[in-house]
N, C-alpha and C. Protein backbone atom coordinates (compact mmCIF):
# COMPACT_ATOMS: atom_id res chain seq x y z
N MET A 1 25.84 -5.11 4.55
CA MET A 1 26.19 -5.44 3.18
C MET A 1 26.66 -4.20 2.42
N ILE A 2 25.95 -3.09 2.61
CA ILE A 2 26.34 -1.86 1.91
C ILE A 2 27.74 -1.43 2.37
N HIS A 3 27.99 -1.56 3.68
CA HIS A 3 29.31 -1.19 4.21
C HIS A 3 30.41 -2.04 3.59
N GLN A 4 30.17 -3.33 3.44
CA GLN A 4 31.16 -4.22 2.81
C GLN A 4 31.40 -3.81 1.37
N ARG A 5 30.34 -3.48 0.64
CA ARG A 5 30.48 -3.06 -0.75
C ARG A 5 31.28 -1.77 -0.86
N GLN A 6 31.03 -0.83 0.06
CA GLN A 6 31.78 0.43 0.06
C GLN A 6 33.26 0.18 0.33
N LYS A 7 33.57 -0.72 1.25
CA LYS A 7 34.96 -1.04 1.55
C LYS A 7 35.63 -1.69 0.34
N ARG A 8 34.91 -2.59 -0.32
CA ARG A 8 35.46 -3.27 -1.49
C ARG A 8 35.70 -2.27 -2.62
N LYS A 9 34.75 -1.37 -2.83
CA LYS A 9 34.90 -0.36 -3.89
C LYS A 9 36.06 0.58 -3.58
N LYS A 10 36.23 0.95 -2.30
CA LYS A 10 37.35 1.81 -1.93
C LYS A 10 38.67 1.12 -2.23
N LYS A 11 38.77 -0.17 -1.91
CA LYS A 11 39.99 -0.91 -2.17
C LYS A 11 40.28 -0.95 -3.67
N LEU A 12 39.25 -1.19 -4.47
CA LEU A 12 39.43 -1.20 -5.93
C LEU A 12 39.86 0.17 -6.44
N ASN A 13 39.25 1.20 -5.91
CA ASN A 13 39.61 2.56 -6.33
C ASN A 13 41.06 2.87 -6.02
N GLU A 14 41.55 2.34 -4.92
CA GLU A 14 42.94 2.60 -4.55
C GLU A 14 43.92 1.88 -5.47
N SER A 15 43.47 0.83 -6.14
CA SER A 15 44.37 0.08 -7.02
C SER A 15 44.77 0.91 -8.24
N GLY A 16 43.89 1.79 -8.72
CA GLY A 16 44.22 2.67 -9.84
C GLY A 16 44.23 2.00 -11.20
N LEU A 17 43.96 0.71 -11.27
CA LEU A 17 43.98 0.01 -12.55
C LEU A 17 42.67 0.20 -13.31
N PRO A 18 42.74 0.17 -14.65
CA PRO A 18 41.49 0.17 -15.43
C PRO A 18 40.66 -1.06 -15.06
N GLN A 19 39.36 -0.92 -15.21
CA GLN A 19 38.46 -1.98 -14.78
C GLN A 19 37.61 -2.52 -15.93
N VAL A 20 37.21 -3.77 -15.77
CA VAL A 20 36.16 -4.36 -16.59
C VAL A 20 34.94 -4.45 -15.69
N GLY A 21 33.76 -4.42 -16.25
CA GLY A 21 32.59 -4.48 -15.38
C GLY A 21 31.29 -4.24 -16.10
N ILE A 22 30.27 -4.04 -15.29
CA ILE A 22 28.93 -3.77 -15.79
C ILE A 22 28.45 -2.45 -15.21
N PHE A 23 27.44 -1.88 -15.86
CA PHE A 23 26.90 -0.62 -15.36
C PHE A 23 25.46 -0.43 -15.82
N TRP A 24 24.76 0.45 -15.09
CA TRP A 24 23.44 0.92 -15.47
C TRP A 24 23.52 2.43 -15.56
N ILE A 25 22.74 2.99 -16.46
CA ILE A 25 22.68 4.44 -16.62
C ILE A 25 21.34 4.92 -16.07
N PHE A 26 21.41 5.59 -14.93
CA PHE A 26 20.24 6.20 -14.31
C PHE A 26 20.20 7.67 -14.73
N PRO A 27 19.08 8.35 -14.55
CA PRO A 27 19.01 9.75 -15.00
C PRO A 27 20.13 10.65 -14.48
N ASN A 28 20.52 10.52 -13.24
CA ASN A 28 21.57 11.40 -12.69
C ASN A 28 22.75 10.63 -12.12
N GLN A 29 22.93 9.40 -12.55
CA GLN A 29 23.95 8.58 -11.92
C GLN A 29 24.34 7.41 -12.82
N LEU A 30 25.58 7.03 -12.71
CA LEU A 30 26.07 5.81 -13.34
C LEU A 30 26.31 4.82 -12.21
N LEU A 31 25.56 3.74 -12.20
CA LEU A 31 25.72 2.71 -11.20
C LEU A 31 26.64 1.64 -11.77
N SER A 32 27.84 1.52 -11.20
CA SER A 32 28.86 0.67 -11.81
C SER A 32 29.39 -0.38 -10.84
N PHE A 33 29.79 -1.50 -11.41
CA PHE A 33 30.40 -2.59 -10.66
C PHE A 33 31.55 -3.12 -11.50
N GLY A 34 32.76 -2.85 -11.05
CA GLY A 34 33.93 -3.25 -11.82
C GLY A 34 34.99 -3.91 -10.97
N VAL A 35 35.88 -4.58 -11.66
CA VAL A 35 37.06 -5.18 -11.03
C VAL A 35 38.26 -4.79 -11.89
N PRO A 36 39.44 -4.66 -11.29
CA PRO A 36 40.62 -4.40 -12.11
C PRO A 36 40.74 -5.47 -13.19
N TYR A 37 41.04 -5.05 -14.40
CA TYR A 37 41.07 -6.00 -15.50
C TYR A 37 42.06 -7.13 -15.26
N THR A 38 43.06 -6.89 -14.44
CA THR A 38 44.05 -7.92 -14.15
C THR A 38 43.49 -9.03 -13.25
N THR A 39 42.35 -8.79 -12.62
CA THR A 39 41.74 -9.80 -11.76
C THR A 39 40.45 -10.35 -12.34
N GLY A 40 40.08 -9.92 -13.55
CA GLY A 40 38.87 -10.41 -14.18
C GLY A 40 39.03 -11.85 -14.64
N GLU A 41 37.95 -12.39 -15.21
CA GLU A 41 37.96 -13.77 -15.71
C GLU A 41 38.29 -13.79 -17.19
N THR A 42 39.21 -14.66 -17.56
CA THR A 42 39.55 -14.81 -18.98
C THR A 42 38.52 -15.71 -19.64
N TYR A 43 38.00 -15.24 -20.76
CA TYR A 43 37.02 -15.99 -21.54
C TYR A 43 37.43 -15.87 -23.00
N GLY A 44 38.11 -16.87 -23.50
CA GLY A 44 38.63 -16.80 -24.86
C GLY A 44 39.69 -15.71 -24.97
N ASP A 45 39.48 -14.77 -25.89
CA ASP A 45 40.41 -13.66 -26.10
C ASP A 45 40.07 -12.42 -25.28
N PHE A 46 39.20 -12.59 -24.29
CA PHE A 46 38.71 -11.44 -23.52
C PHE A 46 38.87 -11.66 -22.03
N ILE A 47 38.91 -10.53 -21.31
CA ILE A 47 38.83 -10.55 -19.85
C ILE A 47 37.55 -9.83 -19.49
N ASN A 48 36.76 -10.46 -18.65
CA ASN A 48 35.44 -9.98 -18.31
C ASN A 48 35.27 -10.01 -16.79
N THR A 49 34.26 -9.36 -16.32
CA THR A 49 33.93 -9.43 -14.90
C THR A 49 33.09 -10.68 -14.66
N PRO A 50 33.26 -11.31 -13.52
CA PRO A 50 32.43 -12.48 -13.25
C PRO A 50 30.97 -12.12 -12.97
N ALA A 51 30.70 -10.88 -12.66
CA ALA A 51 29.34 -10.46 -12.31
C ALA A 51 28.50 -10.22 -13.56
N GLY A 52 27.27 -10.69 -13.52
CA GLY A 52 26.32 -10.42 -14.58
C GLY A 52 25.28 -9.41 -14.13
N HIS A 53 24.58 -8.83 -15.11
CA HIS A 53 23.57 -7.83 -14.78
C HIS A 53 22.43 -8.43 -13.95
N ASP A 54 21.96 -9.60 -14.34
CA ASP A 54 20.78 -10.15 -13.68
C ASP A 54 21.03 -10.46 -12.20
N GLU A 55 22.12 -11.16 -11.89
CA GLU A 55 22.35 -11.49 -10.48
C GLU A 55 22.76 -10.27 -9.65
N THR A 56 23.48 -9.33 -10.25
CA THR A 56 23.85 -8.11 -9.53
C THR A 56 22.61 -7.28 -9.23
N TRP A 57 21.72 -7.18 -10.21
CA TRP A 57 20.47 -6.42 -10.03
C TRP A 57 19.64 -7.02 -8.90
N GLU A 58 19.56 -8.33 -8.88
CA GLU A 58 18.75 -9.00 -7.85
C GLU A 58 19.30 -8.69 -6.46
N LYS A 59 20.60 -8.69 -6.30
CA LYS A 59 21.21 -8.34 -5.00
C LYS A 59 20.90 -6.89 -4.64
N LEU A 60 21.02 -6.00 -5.61
CA LEU A 60 20.73 -4.58 -5.37
C LEU A 60 19.27 -4.37 -4.99
N ARG A 61 18.39 -5.06 -5.68
CA ARG A 61 16.96 -4.94 -5.44
C ARG A 61 16.61 -5.37 -4.01
N LYS A 62 17.20 -6.46 -3.58
CA LYS A 62 16.93 -6.95 -2.22
C LYS A 62 17.47 -5.98 -1.17
N THR A 63 18.62 -5.38 -1.45
CA THR A 63 19.23 -4.44 -0.52
C THR A 63 18.45 -3.13 -0.45
N SER A 64 18.09 -2.59 -1.62
CA SER A 64 17.47 -1.27 -1.64
C SER A 64 15.96 -1.32 -1.42
N GLY A 65 15.33 -2.35 -1.94
CA GLY A 65 13.88 -2.44 -1.84
C GLY A 65 13.14 -1.44 -2.71
N LYS A 66 13.87 -0.68 -3.55
CA LYS A 66 13.25 0.38 -4.34
C LYS A 66 13.38 0.19 -5.84
N LEU A 67 14.13 -0.77 -6.27
CA LEU A 67 14.36 -0.95 -7.71
C LEU A 67 13.29 -1.84 -8.32
N PRO A 68 12.97 -1.60 -9.60
CA PRO A 68 12.01 -2.48 -10.27
C PRO A 68 12.55 -3.90 -10.39
N GLU A 69 11.66 -4.83 -10.61
CA GLU A 69 12.06 -6.24 -10.67
C GLU A 69 12.96 -6.55 -11.86
N ASP A 70 12.70 -5.93 -12.99
CA ASP A 70 13.42 -6.25 -14.23
C ASP A 70 14.72 -5.45 -14.34
N TYR A 71 15.84 -6.15 -14.45
CA TYR A 71 17.14 -5.48 -14.56
C TYR A 71 17.31 -4.71 -15.86
N THR A 72 16.44 -4.94 -16.82
CA THR A 72 16.51 -4.18 -18.08
C THR A 72 15.68 -2.90 -18.02
N SER A 73 15.18 -2.55 -16.85
CA SER A 73 14.36 -1.34 -16.70
C SER A 73 15.14 -0.07 -16.96
N TYR A 74 16.46 -0.12 -16.79
CA TYR A 74 17.32 1.03 -17.05
C TYR A 74 18.36 0.63 -18.09
N PRO A 75 18.83 1.58 -18.89
CA PRO A 75 19.89 1.27 -19.86
C PRO A 75 21.11 0.72 -19.13
N ARG A 76 21.79 -0.22 -19.77
CA ARG A 76 22.93 -0.86 -19.12
C ARG A 76 24.02 -1.11 -20.14
N GLY A 77 25.18 -1.54 -19.66
CA GLY A 77 26.28 -1.83 -20.55
C GLY A 77 27.33 -2.67 -19.86
N ARG A 78 28.37 -2.99 -20.60
CA ARG A 78 29.44 -3.86 -20.11
C ARG A 78 30.76 -3.41 -20.70
N ILE A 79 31.82 -3.59 -19.93
CA ILE A 79 33.18 -3.30 -20.39
C ILE A 79 33.99 -4.59 -20.28
N VAL A 80 34.61 -4.97 -21.39
CA VAL A 80 35.51 -6.13 -21.41
C VAL A 80 36.85 -5.68 -21.97
N TYR A 81 37.86 -6.47 -21.72
CA TYR A 81 39.21 -6.18 -22.21
C TYR A 81 39.56 -7.23 -23.26
N ARG A 82 39.91 -6.76 -24.46
CA ARG A 82 40.32 -7.67 -25.54
C ARG A 82 41.84 -7.82 -25.46
N ILE A 83 42.28 -9.03 -25.18
CA ILE A 83 43.69 -9.30 -24.89
C ILE A 83 44.59 -9.05 -26.11
N ASN A 84 44.16 -9.53 -27.29
CA ASN A 84 45.07 -9.51 -28.44
C ASN A 84 45.51 -8.11 -28.87
N ASP A 85 44.66 -7.11 -28.71
CA ASP A 85 45.08 -5.75 -29.08
C ASP A 85 45.03 -4.77 -27.90
N GLN A 86 44.82 -5.30 -26.70
CA GLN A 86 44.85 -4.51 -25.47
C GLN A 86 43.86 -3.34 -25.50
N LYS A 87 42.63 -3.63 -25.91
CA LYS A 87 41.58 -2.61 -25.98
C LYS A 87 40.48 -2.93 -24.97
N PHE A 88 39.92 -1.87 -24.41
CA PHE A 88 38.74 -1.97 -23.56
C PHE A 88 37.52 -1.70 -24.45
N LEU A 89 36.64 -2.67 -24.53
CA LEU A 89 35.44 -2.54 -25.34
C LEU A 89 34.28 -2.19 -24.42
N VAL A 90 33.63 -1.08 -24.73
CA VAL A 90 32.49 -0.61 -23.94
C VAL A 90 31.24 -0.85 -24.77
N TYR A 91 30.41 -1.78 -24.34
CA TYR A 91 29.18 -2.12 -25.05
C TYR A 91 28.02 -1.39 -24.39
N LEU A 92 27.22 -0.72 -25.21
CA LEU A 92 26.04 -0.04 -24.70
C LEU A 92 25.04 0.16 -25.83
N ASN A 93 23.91 0.77 -25.50
CA ASN A 93 22.84 0.92 -26.49
C ASN A 93 23.13 2.06 -27.46
N ARG A 94 22.33 2.10 -28.52
CA ARG A 94 22.51 3.07 -29.60
C ARG A 94 22.40 4.52 -29.12
N LYS A 95 21.46 4.78 -28.22
CA LYS A 95 21.25 6.15 -27.73
C LYS A 95 22.48 6.67 -26.97
N HIS A 96 23.01 5.87 -26.07
CA HIS A 96 24.08 6.35 -25.20
C HIS A 96 25.46 6.27 -25.83
N ILE A 97 25.59 5.53 -26.91
CA ILE A 97 26.90 5.46 -27.57
C ILE A 97 27.24 6.82 -28.20
N LYS A 98 26.22 7.66 -28.41
CA LYS A 98 26.42 8.99 -28.98
C LYS A 98 26.52 10.08 -27.92
N ASP A 99 26.33 9.72 -26.66
CA ASP A 99 26.27 10.69 -25.56
C ASP A 99 27.66 10.90 -24.96
N THR A 100 28.28 12.01 -25.29
CA THR A 100 29.64 12.31 -24.84
C THR A 100 29.74 12.37 -23.32
N LYS A 101 28.73 12.92 -22.67
CA LYS A 101 28.74 13.04 -21.21
C LYS A 101 28.76 11.66 -20.56
N ILE A 102 27.93 10.77 -21.03
CA ILE A 102 27.89 9.40 -20.49
C ILE A 102 29.22 8.71 -20.74
N LYS A 103 29.76 8.87 -21.94
CA LYS A 103 31.04 8.22 -22.27
C LYS A 103 32.15 8.71 -21.34
N ARG A 104 32.18 10.01 -21.06
CA ARG A 104 33.18 10.54 -20.14
C ARG A 104 33.03 9.96 -18.73
N ARG A 105 31.77 9.81 -18.30
CA ARG A 105 31.52 9.25 -16.97
C ARG A 105 31.99 7.80 -16.89
N ILE A 106 31.76 7.05 -17.94
CA ILE A 106 32.20 5.65 -17.98
C ILE A 106 33.72 5.58 -17.94
N ILE A 107 34.37 6.40 -18.74
CA ILE A 107 35.83 6.43 -18.77
C ILE A 107 36.40 6.75 -17.39
N LYS A 108 35.83 7.73 -16.74
CA LYS A 108 36.31 8.13 -15.42
C LYS A 108 36.04 7.05 -14.38
N GLU A 109 34.82 6.54 -14.35
CA GLU A 109 34.42 5.57 -13.33
C GLU A 109 35.25 4.28 -13.41
N PHE A 110 35.54 3.83 -14.62
CA PHE A 110 36.28 2.58 -14.81
C PHE A 110 37.77 2.80 -15.08
N ARG A 111 38.21 4.07 -15.00
CA ARG A 111 39.62 4.44 -15.19
C ARG A 111 40.18 3.91 -16.51
N LEU A 112 39.47 4.11 -17.58
CA LEU A 112 39.88 3.56 -18.87
C LEU A 112 40.86 4.50 -19.57
N PRO A 113 41.95 3.96 -20.08
CA PRO A 113 42.90 4.80 -20.85
C PRO A 113 42.27 5.14 -22.20
N VAL A 114 42.15 6.43 -22.49
CA VAL A 114 41.40 6.87 -23.67
C VAL A 114 41.96 6.35 -24.99
N ASP A 115 43.23 6.04 -25.03
CA ASP A 115 43.81 5.52 -26.28
C ASP A 115 43.62 4.01 -26.43
N GLN A 116 42.90 3.40 -25.49
CA GLN A 116 42.68 1.95 -25.55
C GLN A 116 41.19 1.60 -25.45
N ILE A 117 40.31 2.49 -25.88
CA ILE A 117 38.87 2.28 -25.74
C ILE A 117 38.21 2.20 -27.11
N GLU A 118 37.25 1.30 -27.21
CA GLU A 118 36.33 1.27 -28.35
C GLU A 118 34.91 1.23 -27.79
N PHE A 119 34.10 2.19 -28.16
CA PHE A 119 32.69 2.17 -27.79
C PHE A 119 31.95 1.44 -28.89
N LYS A 120 31.16 0.43 -28.49
CA LYS A 120 30.50 -0.41 -29.47
C LYS A 120 29.02 -0.57 -29.13
N HIS A 121 28.20 -0.45 -30.16
CA HIS A 121 26.77 -0.72 -29.99
C HIS A 121 26.57 -2.23 -29.91
N ASP A 122 25.68 -2.64 -29.03
CA ASP A 122 25.30 -4.05 -28.94
C ASP A 122 23.79 -4.09 -28.71
N SER A 123 23.07 -4.73 -29.60
CA SER A 123 21.62 -4.77 -29.51
C SER A 123 21.16 -5.48 -28.24
N HIS A 124 22.01 -6.28 -27.63
CA HIS A 124 21.68 -6.93 -26.36
C HIS A 124 21.35 -5.88 -25.28
N TYR A 125 21.95 -4.70 -25.40
CA TYR A 125 21.75 -3.68 -24.39
C TYR A 125 20.68 -2.66 -24.75
N GLU A 126 19.95 -2.91 -25.82
CA GLU A 126 18.81 -2.06 -26.14
C GLU A 126 17.67 -2.38 -25.17
N LYS A 127 16.96 -1.36 -24.78
CA LYS A 127 15.87 -1.52 -23.83
C LYS A 127 14.65 -2.08 -24.48
């Protein structure tokens, strides 16, 4: 399963397109799951990833055997694409929205064009 995920991530990385997706912020790592925004799911005026935090966490937990049961144990966030103004909205908690290092990592990991990003606080992602 891990090998399949690595192959899928490599293929996505080769596409070079900005991504929508979900992520967790670990102390020394950003754990991310994204898809090119052109292949995401349209939901109203937005394009989103079909993957949710809860089901993705459960798969990771079963694979690793080392993660806590609750997917909210680590700070998390989501990136969606707003179609009408062509912006990538990055939702995360109040603490990390001010963290320049984390923001740079998110931009790099999801290949977001800096002139098309809005970082937004969402209380849903508070721990």
